[in-house]
Amino acid sequence: MGKNRLEALFDGVLAIVITIMVLEMRSPAGHSLEALWPLAPVIFSYVMSFIYLGIYWNNHHYMLYVCDKVTGSMLWANLHLLFWLSLIPFTTAWMGESRFSAQPVALYGFVLLMASVAYWILEYRIIVSQGEQSKLKYAVGKDWKGRLSMLCYLLGILLSFVSQWLALAIYIAVAMLWLIPDQRIERSLKHDTNG
């Protein structure tokens, strides 16, 4: 089975998720820049979630680029990932509207954690389907970034009940970790063509 439909579904769902997030934002009550200030938590939540969705879209694109075929277990793993990503608009809105209260920040971290787990499952299913010489397996290696991210999300969830700002700082740090250009897939492709 080809991967085009899988990519198209992922792209389409992410476009809808981003659209829902932006439609959840309400315009300010006044007509000056000061009227935006009460919306700062909502805008910040939106920006952070948009970055996370962009990271998932980018990494999903690269992951499927090195994938040769699609299996049934990969389709289910992809739907599992989309399920968790589809909850981001809800948790984003709740976190922003609550002005970063503990429980919404913890739930946001839980959704990030579960999306990370779902991404790892999809990655694993692709590696299994591609066999021992998997380009993705070579590219991700021990996947220290993925494991560290999951650990940080768990820490952020727990810290959200102590300090929501520390939890948010952890979520931002994980996003920054993934924003740093990751050359693993390119190295894998280079290795494949040279080796």
Protein backbone atom coordinates (compact mmCIF):
# COMPACT_ATOMS: atom_id res chain seq x y z
CA MET A 1 0.00 0.00 0.00
CA GLY A 2 1.30 3.47 -0.85
CA LYS A 3 1.82 6.24 1.67
CA ASN A 4 0.12 9.12 -0.17
CA ARG A 5 -3.27 8.64 1.48
CA LEU A 6 -1.67 8.41 4.93
CA GLU A 7 0.19 11.67 4.33
CA ALA A 8 -2.93 13.36 2.92
CA LEU A 9 -5.03 12.34 5.93
CA PHE A 10 -2.40 13.60 8.36
CA ASP A 11 -2.04 16.90 6.50
CA GLY A 12 -5.81 17.37 6.29
CA VAL A 13 -6.46 16.64 9.97
CA LEU A 14 -3.65 18.95 11.07
CA ALA A 15 -5.05 21.73 8.85
CA ILE A 16 -8.45 21.28 10.50
CA VAL A 17 -6.91 21.20 14.00
CA ILE A 18 -5.07 24.48 13.34
CA THR A 19 -8.26 26.01 11.90
CA ILE A 20 -10.23 25.01 14.99
CA MET A 21 -7.56 26.53 17.23
CA VAL A 22 -7.62 29.86 15.43
CA LEU A 23 -11.43 29.94 15.35
CA GLU A 24 -11.47 29.43 19.13
CA MET A 25 -9.66 32.76 19.56
CA ARG A 26 -12.05 35.64 20.14
CA SER A 27 -11.40 39.20 19.10
CA PRO A 28 -10.71 41.72 21.89
CA ALA A 29 -13.48 43.82 23.41
CA GLY A 30 -11.79 47.14 22.67
CA HIS A 31 -10.17 48.78 19.66
CA SER A 32 -6.69 49.48 20.99
CA LEU A 33 -3.57 47.37 21.45
CA GLU A 34 -4.19 47.42 25.19
CA ALA A 35 -7.37 45.44 24.55
CA LEU A 36 -5.15 42.53 23.45
CA TRP A 37 -3.48 42.25 26.85
CA PRO A 38 -6.27 40.20 28.51
CA LEU A 39 -5.97 37.77 25.58
CA ALA A 40 -2.22 37.25 26.08
CA PRO A 41 -2.62 33.78 27.70
CA VAL A 42 -4.90 32.65 24.86
CA ILE A 43 -2.50 33.98 22.20
CA PHE A 44 0.51 32.43 23.96
CA SER A 45 -1.27 29.06 24.20
CA TYR A 46 -2.15 29.24 20.51
CA VAL A 47 1.42 30.05 19.47
CA MET A 48 2.85 27.23 21.59
CA SER A 49 0.34 24.71 20.22
CA PHE A 50 0.87 25.90 16.64
CA ILE A 51 4.61 25.30 17.08
CA TYR A 52 3.97 21.82 18.47
CA LEU A 53 1.67 20.95 15.57
CA GLY A 54 4.31 22.24 13.16
CA ILE A 55 6.92 20.03 14.81
CA TYR A 56 4.69 16.98 14.47
CA TRP A 57 3.85 17.81 10.86
CA ASN A 58 7.53 18.28 9.97
CA ASN A 59 8.71 15.11 11.73
CA HIS A 60 5.81 13.06 10.34
CA HIS A 61 6.77 14.23 6.84
CA TYR A 62 10.38 13.16 7.30
CA MET A 63 9.39 9.87 8.93
CA LEU A 64 7.14 8.93 6.02
CA TYR A 65 9.73 10.11 3.49
CA VAL A 66 11.98 7.19 4.42
CA CYS A 67 9.06 4.75 4.60
CA ASP A 68 8.68 2.38 1.64
CA LYS A 69 5.26 0.90 2.36
CA VAL A 70 2.28 1.28 4.65
CA THR A 71 0.85 -1.53 6.77
CA GLY A 72 -2.43 -1.87 8.65
CA SER A 73 -0.69 -1.40 12.00
CA MET A 74 0.85 1.83 10.71
CA LEU A 75 -2.59 3.10 9.69
CA TRP A 76 -3.92 2.46 13.19
CA ALA A 77 -0.83 3.97 14.82
CA ASN A 78 -1.26 7.07 12.63
CA LEU A 79 -4.93 7.37 13.67
CA HIS A 80 -3.86 7.01 17.31
CA LEU A 81 -1.45 9.92 16.86
CA LEU A 82 -4.13 12.00 15.13
CA PHE A 83 -6.52 11.34 18.01
CA TRP A 84 -4.15 12.91 20.53
CA LEU A 85 -3.23 15.79 18.22
CA SER A 86 -6.94 16.50 17.66
CA LEU A 87 -7.28 17.18 21.41
CA ILE A 88 -4.75 20.01 21.29
CA PRO A 89 -7.34 22.70 20.38
CA PHE A 90 -9.45 21.81 23.43
CA THR A 91 -6.54 21.79 25.87
CA THR A 92 -5.05 24.92 24.28
CA ALA A 93 -8.32 26.83 24.70
CA TRP A 94 -8.85 25.63 28.27
CA MET A 95 -5.28 26.43 29.28
CA GLY A 96 -5.42 29.94 27.80
CA GLU A 97 -8.88 30.79 29.08
CA SER A 98 -8.02 29.57 32.59
CA ARG A 99 -4.92 31.79 32.56
CA PHE A 100 -2.72 28.71 33.05
CA SER A 101 -4.46 27.10 36.02
CA ALA A 102 -2.88 23.89 37.30
CA GLN A 103 -5.35 21.33 35.96
CA PRO A 104 -5.56 22.71 32.40
CA VAL A 105 -1.74 22.95 32.26
CA ALA A 106 -1.48 19.36 33.52
CA LEU A 107 -4.04 18.16 30.94
CA TYR A 108 -2.16 20.00 28.18
CA GLY A 109 1.01 18.19 29.27
CA PHE A 110 -0.85 14.87 29.35
CA VAL A 111 -2.03 15.37 25.76
CA LEU A 112 1.54 16.25 24.74
CA LEU A 113 2.80 13.13 26.51
CA MET A 114 0.24 10.89 24.85
CA ALA A 115 0.93 12.43 21.42
CA SER A 116 4.62 11.73 22.00
CA VAL A 117 3.86 8.12 22.95
CA ALA A 118 1.62 7.76 19.89
CA TYR A 119 4.36 9.18 17.66
CA TRP A 120 6.84 6.70 19.15
CA ILE A 121 4.40 3.83 18.43
CA LEU A 122 4.03 4.97 14.81
CA GLU A 123 7.81 5.26 14.50
CA TYR A 124 8.19 1.74 15.91
CA ARG A 125 5.54 0.30 13.56
CA ILE A 126 7.33 1.85 10.57
CA ILE A 127 10.69 0.45 11.70
CA VAL A 128 9.18 -3.02 12.18
CA SER A 129 7.55 -2.92 8.75
CA GLN A 130 10.80 -1.85 7.06
CA GLY A 131 12.91 -4.61 8.61
CA GLU A 132 16.45 -4.68 9.99
CA GLN A 133 17.82 -2.34 7.31
CA SER A 134 15.22 0.33 8.08
CA LYS A 135 16.37 3.82 7.12
CA LEU A 136 14.26 5.20 9.96
CA LYS A 137 15.87 2.85 12.49
CA TYR A 138 19.29 4.05 11.40
CA ALA A 139 18.12 7.67 11.50
CA VAL A 140 16.59 7.72 14.98
CA GLY A 141 19.14 5.46 16.64
CA LYS A 142 18.27 5.25 20.34
CA ASP A 143 15.87 8.21 19.90
CA TRP A 144 17.16 10.12 22.91
CA LYS A 145 15.09 13.18 21.93
CA GLY A 146 11.85 11.20 21.96
CA ARG A 147 12.60 9.54 25.29
CA LEU A 148 13.76 12.79 26.88
CA SER A 149 10.60 14.54 25.64
CA MET A 150 8.33 11.95 27.24
CA LEU A 151 10.22 12.22 30.52
CA CYS A 152 9.98 16.03 30.42
CA TYR A 153 6.23 15.95 29.71
CA LEU A 154 5.73 13.66 32.70
CA LEU A 155 7.80 16.01 34.85
CA GLY A 156 5.80 18.99 33.54
CA ILE A 157 2.50 17.29 34.40
CA LEU A 158 3.65 16.66 37.96
CA LEU A 159 5.14 20.15 38.34
CA SER A 160 1.97 21.83 37.06
CA PHE A 161 0.44 21.27 40.52
CA VAL A 162 3.43 22.96 42.16
CA SER A 163 4.15 25.70 39.63
CA GLN A 164 2.34 26.04 36.33
CA TRP A 165 5.11 28.36 35.12
CA LEU A 166 7.76 25.66 35.61
CA ALA A 167 5.55 23.19 33.77
CA LEU A 168 5.09 25.64 30.89
CA ALA A 169 8.85 26.28 30.85
CA ILE A 170 9.41 22.54 30.44
CA TYR A 171 6.88 22.32 27.60
CA ILE A 172 8.59 25.26 25.89
CA ALA A 173 12.03 23.69 26.41
CA VAL A 174 10.88 20.46 24.75
CA ALA A 175 9.51 22.43 21.80
CA MET A 176 12.82 24.28 21.50
CA LEU A 177 14.65 20.94 21.55
CA TRP A 178 12.64 19.83 18.52
CA LEU A 179 12.91 23.19 16.75
CA ILE A 180 16.67 22.77 16.55
CA PRO A 181 17.13 21.30 13.07
CA ASP A 182 17.43 17.54 13.30
CA GLN A 183 19.67 16.10 10.64
CA ARG A 184 19.08 12.42 11.48
CA ILE A 185 16.89 11.63 8.45
CA GLU A 186 19.19 13.49 6.05
CA ARG A 187 22.18 11.60 7.47
CA SER A 188 20.31 8.36 7.05
CA LEU A 189 19.54 9.12 3.41
CA LYS A 190 23.15 10.15 2.76
CA HIS A 191 24.38 6.97 4.42
CA ASP A 192 21.94 4.93 2.30
CA THR A 193 23.10 6.47 -0.98
CA ASN A 194 26.81 6.33 -0.07
CA GLY A 195 26.78 2.91 1.57
